[in-house]
């Protein structure tokens, strides 16, 4: 039985192997790593974009206040050709390039006083709130231009552009708005150069962490597997030791106490035959009580260790369980169909489950009839115990479990270990049906 029990447990359905468990761990870790990496890339990309826009504002500030503002002349506001030429020369030589595609200088009333596109000079377009606020508060602002305004009609073929504008001042102190149009791909490229090294470093670190965890998980899983095997082996030995002890106790009771009671019963009966009234009646009553005690002890021996389970089989053992019920006025029926070839651990489980169900019927159900059916169909072995007793509610079963009556709970645990299930259907006044199914 020990070998069968160990085999059933180590090969039970759903028991993952070390390789499968580690593979599941590795895949789960890889999935978490991927999710974390994607989230980190989103955050890093946003940070890179923020830094790129800050760089664009700094570049525009350096260009406007450091390069353009020093060459502004008073005549620029009146469209003086020399003033325009001085600004244009600096813009063409030192500002325009791969990054900046357009430059505009606005007056407070929305007039373009300078642009590297001459056709825009002198045109008036009211400044929006953001530009007016920038003129009032200072600083630089960057935003993606929609290029839908008439002042942007010459930039529409340039692709996506970022407007970056800031206030500057003419020599007389007149406030002007300096505006650059920076190519979006250059801004994005700047952001990418900022966050990509961090992303690569993060990816390498996460992969190294994952690779380090896999062998550690393998070692831990192997240790857990060995510990599980040790526990199963010790449990199997404990079950075998318990069975041996049950056999010894049952043999001692049968060869000792039962034989002594049998002798006492015969002696009392013989004494009753020799004695006269009224002593003979008392002696016969004592002999009957002694024989009843013998039957009880024999029932107890059957519960402790079923002698017929290995020799005559499950059917004979369950018959012994049902034997005391007729004396209590309970009609019994046993139907065994195709159960002769059940594995030994299934026989033992069915015997224990049937004993628990029959004891419940005897002690609590108040039944007049109980039937037991054992069958094997389609790879499943099934035990069904039905009675016509008082039944019970689910709340009553839970309350008895809370009081310490855990017989059914233990049967459920044993069935679960063998990949089976236990179902108890009952309601007050309608009897109880106890069904146990396990793989055969």
Protein backbone atom coordinates (compact mmCIF):
# COMPACT_ATOMS: atom_id res chain seq x y z
CA UNK A 1 0.00 0.00 0.00
CA UNK A 2 2.88 2.35 0.75
CA UNK A 3 4.21 2.11 -2.78
CA UNK A 4 0.77 2.69 -4.31
CA UNK A 5 0.15 5.65 -2.02
CA UNK A 6 3.47 7.26 -2.86
CA UNK A 7 2.93 6.67 -6.57
CA UNK A 8 -0.59 8.10 -6.46
CA UNK A 9 0.57 11.22 -4.71
CA UNK A 10 3.71 11.89 -6.68
CA UNK A 11 1.85 11.30 -9.95
CA UNK A 12 -1.39 12.99 -8.90
CA UNK A 13 -3.00 15.20 -11.54
CA UNK A 14 -2.01 18.81 -11.23
CA UNK A 15 1.33 18.16 -9.46
CA UNK A 16 3.74 20.28 -11.52
CA UNK A 17 7.24 19.04 -12.29
CA UNK A 18 10.25 21.15 -11.38
CA UNK A 19 10.94 22.01 -15.02
CA UNK A 20 7.34 23.08 -15.62
CA UNK A 21 7.21 25.09 -12.39
CA UNK A 22 10.46 26.89 -13.21
CA UNK A 23 9.26 27.47 -16.77
CA UNK A 24 6.05 28.99 -15.45
CA UNK A 25 8.08 31.16 -13.06
CA UNK A 26 10.41 32.23 -15.87
CA UNK A 27 7.52 33.07 -18.21
CA UNK A 28 5.72 34.97 -15.46
CA UNK A 29 8.91 36.86 -14.65
CA UNK A 30 9.42 37.62 -18.32
CA UNK A 31 5.85 38.90 -18.61
CA UNK A 32 6.29 41.13 -15.55
CA UNK A 33 9.61 42.32 -16.94
CA UNK A 34 7.97 43.17 -20.27
CA UNK A 35 5.15 45.08 -18.57
CA UNK A 36 7.60 46.95 -16.35
CA UNK A 37 9.85 47.68 -19.30
CA UNK A 38 6.99 49.02 -21.42
CA UNK A 39 5.81 51.23 -18.56
CA UNK A 40 9.36 52.43 -17.95
CA UNK A 41 9.83 53.20 -21.64
CA UNK A 42 6.65 55.26 -21.65
CA UNK A 43 7.84 57.21 -18.62
CA UNK A 44 11.35 57.63 -20.04
CA UNK A 45 9.97 58.74 -23.39
CA UNK A 46 7.82 61.37 -21.69
CA UNK A 47 10.80 62.50 -19.66
CA UNK A 48 12.90 62.62 -22.82
CA UNK A 49 10.23 64.69 -24.58
CA UNK A 50 10.05 67.05 -21.61
CA UNK A 51 13.83 67.44 -21.62
CA UNK A 52 13.83 67.91 -25.39
CA UNK A 53 11.26 70.72 -25.13
CA UNK A 54 13.29 72.29 -22.34
CA UNK A 55 16.33 72.08 -24.59
CA UNK A 56 14.32 73.68 -27.42
CA UNK A 57 13.33 76.55 -25.12
CA UNK A 58 16.93 77.00 -24.01
CA UNK A 59 18.12 76.94 -27.62
CA UNK A 60 15.52 79.54 -28.61
CA UNK A 61 16.45 81.70 -25.62
CA UNK A 62 20.12 81.51 -26.52
CA UNK A 63 19.32 82.36 -30.14
CA UNK A 64 16.86 85.16 -29.43
CA UNK A 65 18.53 86.89 -26.51
CA UNK A 66 22.12 85.99 -27.27
CA UNK A 67 22.29 86.29 -31.08
CA UNK A 68 19.34 88.25 -32.45
CA UNK A 69 18.60 90.82 -29.74
CA UNK A 70 22.11 92.40 -29.85
CA UNK A 71 21.80 93.20 -33.60
CA UNK A 72 18.32 94.77 -33.41
CA UNK A 73 18.10 98.44 -34.47
CA UNK A 74 15.46 101.07 -33.81
CA UNK A 75 14.53 101.23 -37.50
CA UNK A 76 13.39 97.60 -37.50
CA UNK A 77 9.90 98.59 -36.30
CA UNK A 78 9.53 101.05 -39.20
CA UNK A 79 10.79 98.51 -41.74
CA UNK A 80 14.18 100.15 -42.29
CA UNK A 81 15.97 98.05 -44.96
CA UNK A 82 19.35 98.35 -43.23
CA UNK A 83 17.91 97.19 -39.91
CA UNK A 84 16.12 94.31 -41.62
CA UNK A 85 19.28 93.38 -43.53
CA UNK A 86 21.37 93.30 -40.34
CA UNK A 87 18.93 90.95 -38.63
CA UNK A 88 18.49 88.80 -41.72
CA UNK A 89 22.22 88.35 -42.17
CA UNK A 90 22.60 87.03 -38.60
CA UNK A 91 19.52 84.83 -38.92
CA UNK A 92 20.68 83.26 -42.18
CA UNK A 93 24.24 82.68 -41.04
CA UNK A 94 23.83 81.68 -37.40
CA UNK A 95 20.26 80.64 -36.70
CA UNK A 96 18.61 78.83 -39.59
CA UNK A 97 19.68 75.27 -40.21
CA UNK A 98 18.62 71.66 -39.73
CA UNK A 99 16.92 72.45 -36.45
CA UNK A 100 15.25 75.85 -37.07
CA UNK A 101 13.33 76.31 -40.30
CA UNK A 102 11.62 79.68 -39.71
CA UNK A 103 12.14 82.79 -37.56
CA UNK A 104 9.63 85.55 -36.90
CA UNK A 105 9.80 88.71 -34.81
CA UNK A 106 6.45 90.15 -33.70
CA UNK A 107 5.48 93.53 -32.36
CA UNK A 108 3.00 93.88 -29.54
CA UNK A 109 0.16 94.73 -31.93
CA UNK A 110 0.58 91.44 -33.88
CA UNK A 111 2.63 92.80 -36.78
CA UNK A 112 5.47 90.68 -38.13
CA UNK A 113 8.39 93.10 -38.17
CA UNK A 114 10.86 90.48 -39.40
CA UNK A 115 10.80 86.98 -40.91
CA UNK A 116 13.27 85.03 -42.99
CA UNK A 117 10.30 84.66 -45.34
CA UNK A 118 10.10 88.27 -46.72
CA UNK A 119 6.47 87.91 -47.84
CA UNK A 120 5.38 87.78 -44.18
CA UNK A 121 7.07 91.05 -43.16
CA UNK A 122 4.53 93.77 -42.43
CA UNK A 123 1.49 91.46 -42.23
CA UNK A 124 -0.61 91.68 -39.09
CA UNK A 125 -2.14 88.74 -37.23
CA UNK A 126 -3.53 89.18 -33.70
CA UNK A 127 -1.41 87.44 -31.07
CA UNK A 128 -3.14 84.66 -29.16
CA UNK A 129 -3.42 84.56 -25.37
CA UNK A 130 -0.36 82.37 -24.85
CA UNK A 131 1.89 84.75 -26.78
CA UNK A 132 0.50 87.80 -25.00
CA UNK A 133 1.01 86.06 -21.67
CA UNK A 134 4.59 85.23 -22.62
CA UNK A 135 5.22 88.90 -23.48
CA UNK A 136 3.78 89.91 -20.11
CA UNK A 137 5.44 87.35 -17.87
CA UNK A 138 8.67 86.55 -19.67
CA UNK A 139 10.16 83.09 -20.08
CA UNK A 140 9.96 80.84 -23.10
CA UNK A 141 7.12 78.59 -24.27
CA UNK A 142 7.17 75.62 -26.66
CA UNK A 143 4.21 73.90 -28.29
CA UNK A 144 3.40 71.88 -31.38
CA UNK A 145 2.07 74.24 -34.05
CA UNK A 146 -1.13 73.35 -35.91
CA UNK A 147 0.01 75.54 -38.88
CA UNK A 148 -3.57 76.43 -39.73
CA UNK A 149 -3.25 80.21 -39.31
CA UNK A 150 -2.59 82.45 -42.31
CA UNK A 151 0.73 83.48 -40.77
CA UNK A 152 1.83 79.81 -41.12
CA UNK A 153 0.92 79.31 -44.75
CA UNK A 154 4.57 79.15 -45.81
CA UNK A 155 5.49 76.54 -43.13
CA UNK A 156 2.87 73.96 -44.02
CA UNK A 157 5.18 71.98 -46.29
CA UNK A 158 7.83 71.64 -43.58
CA UNK A 159 6.11 68.81 -41.67
CA UNK A 160 5.46 68.98 -37.92
CA UNK A 161 7.00 72.04 -36.29
CA UNK A 162 7.31 73.23 -32.70
CA UNK A 163 6.69 76.92 -32.07
CA UNK A 164 9.12 78.24 -29.48
CA UNK A 165 8.72 81.91 -28.55
CA UNK A 166 10.03 84.30 -25.94
CA UNK A 167 10.16 88.07 -25.37
CA UNK A 168 13.10 90.21 -26.50
CA UNK A 169 13.53 94.00 -26.58
CA UNK A 170 14.46 96.50 -29.22
CA UNK A 171 17.23 99.04 -28.40
CA UNK A 172 14.62 101.57 -27.25
CA UNK A 173 13.08 99.05 -24.83
CA UNK A 174 10.12 98.15 -27.02
CA UNK A 175 8.98 94.59 -26.25
CA UNK A 176 9.04 92.17 -29.17
CA UNK A 177 8.18 88.47 -29.48
CA UNK A 178 10.94 86.30 -30.91
CA UNK A 179 9.54 83.10 -32.45
CA UNK A 180 11.35 80.11 -33.93
CA UNK A 181 9.88 77.09 -35.70
CA UNK A 182 11.91 74.02 -34.81
CA UNK A 183 11.50 70.77 -36.73
CA UNK A 184 9.64 68.15 -34.68
CA UNK A 185 11.88 65.29 -35.81
CA UNK A 186 14.89 67.18 -34.46
CA UNK A 187 13.14 67.74 -31.14
CA UNK A 188 12.12 64.06 -30.99
CA UNK A 189 15.65 63.02 -31.93
CA UNK A 190 16.99 65.12 -29.07
CA UNK A 191 14.57 63.44 -26.67
CA UNK A 192 15.50 60.02 -28.01
CA UNK A 193 19.18 60.71 -27.44
CA UNK A 194 18.29 61.57 -23.85
CA UNK A 195 16.18 58.55 -22.89
CA UNK A 196 17.50 55.73 -25.08
CA UNK A 197 20.75 55.18 -23.09
CA UNK A 198 18.75 54.91 -19.87
CA UNK A 199 16.31 52.51 -21.55
CA UNK A 200 19.14 50.31 -22.80
CA UNK A 201 20.75 50.25 -19.34
CA UNK A 202 17.39 49.45 -17.75
CA UNK A 203 16.76 46.61 -20.22
CA UNK A 204 20.18 45.08 -19.57
CA UNK A 205 19.72 45.29 -15.79
CA UNK A 206 16.25 43.72 -15.94
CA UNK A 207 17.44 40.90 -18.18
CA UNK A 208 20.39 40.21 -15.89
CA UNK A 209 18.04 40.17 -12.89
CA UNK A 210 15.71 37.75 -14.70
CA UNK A 211 18.60 35.50 -15.74
CA UNK A 212 19.92 35.41 -12.18
CA UNK A 213 16.50 34.51 -10.78
CA UNK A 214 15.94 31.50 -13.07
CA UNK A 215 18.74 29.29 -11.65
CA UNK A 216 17.83 30.42 -8.14
CA UNK A 217 14.22 29.44 -8.80
CA UNK A 218 15.40 26.10 -10.18
CA UNK A 219 17.45 25.37 -7.05
CA UNK A 220 14.58 26.42 -4.79
CA UNK A 221 12.09 24.29 -6.73
CA UNK A 222 14.41 21.29 -6.50
CA UNK A 223 14.69 21.78 -2.75
CA UNK A 224 10.94 22.08 -2.41
CA UNK A 225 10.46 18.95 -4.51
CA UNK A 226 12.89 16.99 -2.35
CA UNK A 227 11.19 18.29 0.78
CA UNK A 228 7.79 17.32 -0.67
CA UNK A 229 9.04 13.84 -1.51
CA UNK A 230 10.42 13.51 2.03
CA UNK A 231 7.10 14.59 3.50
CA UNK A 232 5.21 12.16 1.27
CA UNK A 233 7.57 9.35 2.22
CA UNK A 234 7.25 10.12 5.93
CA UNK A 235 3.46 10.34 5.56
CA UNK A 236 3.37 6.99 3.78
CA UNK A 237 5.46 5.47 6.54
CA UNK A 238 3.17 7.02 9.15
CA UNK A 239 0.12 5.57 7.38
CA UNK A 240 1.76 2.16 7.22
CA UNK A 241 2.77 2.37 10.87
CA UNK A 242 -0.78 3.38 11.75
CA UNK A 243 -2.15 0.44 9.78
CA UNK A 244 0.27 -1.92 11.54
CA UNK A 245 -0.75 -0.55 14.91
CA UNK A 246 -4.43 -0.90 14.03
CA UNK A 247 -3.83 -4.51 13.02
CA UNK A 248 -2.04 -5.20 16.31
CA UNK A 249 -4.80 -3.59 18.39
CA UNK A 250 -7.51 -5.39 16.43
CA UNK A 251 -5.70 -8.73 16.87
CA UNK A 252 -5.22 -8.13 20.61
CA UNK A 253 -8.90 -7.29 21.04
CA UNK A 254 -10.03 -10.27 18.99
CA UNK A 255 -7.70 -12.82 20.57
CA UNK A 256 -7.96 -11.38 24.06
CA UNK A 257 -11.02 -9.44 25.14
CA UNK A 258 -13.46 -10.96 22.63
CA UNK A 259 -12.41 -14.53 23.49
CA UNK A 260 -12.66 -13.77 27.19
CA UNK A 261 -16.14 -12.31 26.74
CA UNK A 262 -17.14 -15.34 24.67
CA UNK A 263 -16.01 -17.60 27.48
CA UNK A 264 -17.87 -15.53 30.05
CA UNK A 265 -21.02 -15.64 27.90
CA UNK A 266 -20.90 -19.44 27.64
CA UNK A 267 -20.25 -19.74 31.36
CA UNK A 268 -23.18 -17.49 32.18
CA UNK A 269 -25.47 -19.44 29.86
CA UNK A 270 -24.36 -22.73 31.41
CA UNK A 271 -24.83 -21.31 34.92
CA UNK A 272 -28.32 -20.11 33.97
CA UNK A 273 -29.23 -23.62 32.85
CA UNK A 274 -28.16 -25.06 36.20
CA UNK A 275 -29.60 -22.30 38.40
CA UNK A 276 -33.20 -22.07 39.31
CA UNK A 277 -35.58 -19.12 39.30
CA UNK A 278 -35.15 -16.18 39.68
CA UNK A 279 -31.34 -16.34 39.34
CA UNK A 280 -31.46 -18.02 35.93
CA UNK A 281 -33.16 -15.00 34.33
CA UNK A 282 -30.52 -12.65 35.67
CA UNK A 283 -27.75 -14.93 34.42
CA UNK A 284 -29.30 -15.17 30.96
CA UNK A 285 -29.66 -11.36 30.86
CA UNK A 286 -26.00 -11.06 31.79
CA UNK A 287 -25.08 -13.53 29.03
CA UNK A 288 -27.11 -11.50 26.50
CA UNK A 289 -25.40 -8.29 27.64
CA UNK A 290 -22.02 -9.97 27.31
CA UNK A 291 -22.79 -11.12 23.77
CA UNK A 292 -23.98 -7.58 22.92
CA UNK A 293 -20.68 -6.24 24.23
CA UNK A 294 -18.90 -8.77 22.02
CA UNK A 295 -20.82 -7.51 18.97
CA UNK A 296 -19.91 -3.94 19.82
CA UNK A 297 -16.26 -4.81 20.22
CA UNK A 298 -16.32 -6.73 16.93
CA UNK A 299 -17.84 -3.64 15.24
CA UNK A 300 -15.10 -1.57 16.81
CA UNK A 301 -12.49 -4.02 15.51
CA UNK A 302 -13.94 -3.69 12.03
CA UNK A 303 -13.72 0.11 12.28
CA UNK A 304 -10.16 -0.01 13.59
CA UNK A 305 -8.92 -2.44 10.94
CA UNK A 306 -11.07 -4.01 8.23
CA UNK A 307 -9.83 -7.63 8.06
CA UNK A 308 -11.78 -8.39 4.89
CA UNK A 309 -10.55 -5.39 2.87
CA UNK A 310 -7.38 -7.16 1.76
CA UNK A 311 -8.60 -10.70 1.81
CA UNK A 312 -12.24 -10.79 0.70
CA UNK A 313 -12.30 -7.29 -0.80
CA UNK A 314 -14.22 -4.04 -0.45
CA UNK A 315 -17.67 -5.60 -0.76
CA UNK A 316 -17.17 -7.86 2.25
CA UNK A 317 -15.69 -5.00 4.30
CA UNK A 318 -18.67 -2.72 3.56
CA UNK A 319 -21.00 -5.62 4.39
CA UNK A 320 -19.37 -5.75 7.82
CA UNK A 321 -20.00 -2.00 8.19
CA UNK A 322 -23.69 -2.50 7.40
CA UNK A 323 -24.09 -5.59 9.61
CA UNK A 324 -25.03 -3.76 12.86
CA UNK A 325 -27.80 -1.70 11.24
CA UNK A 326 -30.56 -4.36 10.89
CA UNK A 327 -30.43 -4.93 14.67
CA UNK A 328 -31.36 -1.24 15.01
CA UNK A 329 -34.30 -1.56 12.66
CA UNK A 330 -32.53 -0.09 9.59
CA UNK A 331 -32.98 -1.90 6.27
CA UNK A 332 -29.75 -2.10 4.24
CA UNK A 333 -28.89 -2.63 0.59
CA UNK A 334 -25.42 -3.06 -0.97
CA UNK A 335 -24.80 -3.04 -4.72
CA UNK A 336 -21.22 -3.45 -5.96
CA UNK A 337 -20.76 -3.18 -9.73
CA UNK A 338 -17.34 -3.47 -11.34
CA UNK A 339 -15.39 -2.48 -8.22
CA UNK A 340 -13.26 -5.61 -7.91
CA UNK A 341 -10.34 -4.11 -9.83
CA UNK A 342 -10.13 -0.80 -7.96
CA UNK A 343 -6.66 0.31 -6.79
CA UNK A 344 -5.90 -0.43 -3.16
CA UNK A 345 -5.82 3.24 -2.15
CA UNK A 346 -9.29 3.73 -3.70
CA UNK A 347 -10.58 0.67 -1.80
CA UNK A 348 -9.24 2.13 1.44
CA UNK A 349 -10.72 5.57 0.71
CA UNK A 350 -14.14 4.08 -0.17
CA UNK A 351 -14.09 1.98 2.98
CA UNK A 352 -13.32 5.00 5.17
CA UNK A 353 -15.88 7.16 3.38
CA UNK A 354 -18.56 4.48 3.59
CA UNK A 355 -17.82 4.01 7.27
CA UNK A 356 -18.18 7.74 7.93
CA UNK A 357 -21.45 7.92 5.98
CA UNK A 358 -22.92 4.80 7.63
CA UNK A 359 -21.97 6.01 11.13
CA UNK A 360 -23.70 9.31 10.42
CA UNK A 361 -26.82 7.42 9.32
CA UNK A 362 -26.74 5.20 12.41
CA UNK A 363 -26.18 8.00 14.92
CA UNK A 364 -27.95 11.05 13.50
CA UNK A 365 -30.26 10.31 10.56
CA UNK A 366 -33.07 8.29 12.20
CA UNK A 367 -33.36 6.48 8.87
CA UNK A 368 -35.40 3.37 8.10
CA UNK A 369 -33.38 2.40 5.03
CA UNK A 370 -29.85 2.94 3.74
CA UNK A 371 -28.37 1.82 0.43
CA UNK A 372 -24.75 1.69 -0.66
CA UNK A 373 -23.73 1.50 -4.31
CA UNK A 374 -20.15 1.14 -5.59
CA UNK A 375 -19.52 1.27 -9.34
CA UNK A 376 -16.76 1.91 -11.84
CA UNK A 377 -17.64 3.63 -15.12
CA UNK A 378 -15.64 5.61 -17.67
CA UNK A 379 -12.43 5.73 -15.67
CA UNK A 380 -14.23 6.90 -12.51
CA UNK A 381 -14.98 4.96 -9.36
CA UNK A 382 -18.11 6.12 -7.55
CA UNK A 383 -19.43 5.49 -4.05
CA UNK A 384 -23.04 6.52 -3.35
CA UNK A 385 -24.62 6.20 0.12
CA UNK A 386 -28.33 7.13 0.30
CA UNK A 387 -30.65 7.18 3.28
CA UNK A 388 -34.26 8.22 3.91
CA UNK A 389 -33.55 9.89 7.23
CA UNK A 390 -34.14 13.33 8.66
CA UNK A 391 -31.51 15.07 6.51
CA UNK A 392 -29.88 18.34 7.47
CA UNK A 393 -29.30 21.87 6.26
CA UNK A 394 -25.95 23.27 5.07
CA UNK A 395 -25.92 25.52 8.12
CA UNK A 396 -26.25 22.49 10.38
CA UNK A 397 -23.30 20.81 8.68
CA UNK A 398 -21.15 23.92 9.10
CA UNK A 399 -22.12 24.20 12.76
CA UNK A 400 -21.12 20.55 13.35
CA UNK A 401 -17.82 21.17 11.60
CA UNK A 402 -17.23 24.19 13.84
CA UNK A 403 -17.94 21.95 16.86
CA UNK A 404 -15.11 19.64 15.81
CA UNK A 405 -16.93 17.00 13.72
CA UNK A 406 -14.46 16.84 10.83
CA UNK A 407 -15.09 13.32 9.48
CA UNK A 408 -16.51 14.51 6.16
CA UNK A 409 -13.83 17.19 5.88
CA UNK A 410 -11.12 14.51 6.21
CA UNK A 411 -12.80 12.41 3.54
CA UNK A 412 -12.90 15.48 1.27
CA UNK A 413 -9.17 16.03 1.82
CA UNK A 414 -8.34 12.39 1.05
CA UNK A 415 -10.48 12.51 -2.10
CA UNK A 416 -8.79 15.70 -3.22
CA UNK A 417 -5.35 14.08 -2.86
CA UNK A 418 -6.43 11.36 -5.27
CA UNK A 419 -7.93 13.89 -7.71
CA UNK A 420 -11.54 13.15 -6.73
CA UNK A 421 -14.44 15.03 -5.24
CA UNK A 422 -17.05 14.58 -2.51
CA UNK A 423 -20.62 15.84 -2.79
CA UNK A 424 -23.20 15.69 0.03
CA UNK A 425 -26.77 16.59 -0.90
CA UNK A 426 -29.34 16.87 1.86
CA UNK A 427 -32.25 18.92 3.10
CA UNK A 428 -34.37 18.62 6.23
CA UNK A 429 -36.90 15.77 5.98
CA UNK A 430 -35.65 14.47 2.61
CA UNK A 431 -32.76 12.22 3.53
CA UNK A 432 -29.13 12.46 2.44
CA UNK A 433 -27.14 11.38 -0.61
CA UNK A 434 -23.40 10.99 -0.15
CA UNK A 435 -21.45 10.76 -3.45
CA UNK A 436 -17.69 10.23 -3.72
CA UNK A 437 -15.92 10.08 -7.12
CA UNK A 438 -12.23 9.42 -7.77
CA UNK A 439 -10.20 8.43 -10.86
CA UNK A 440 -10.02 4.66 -11.04
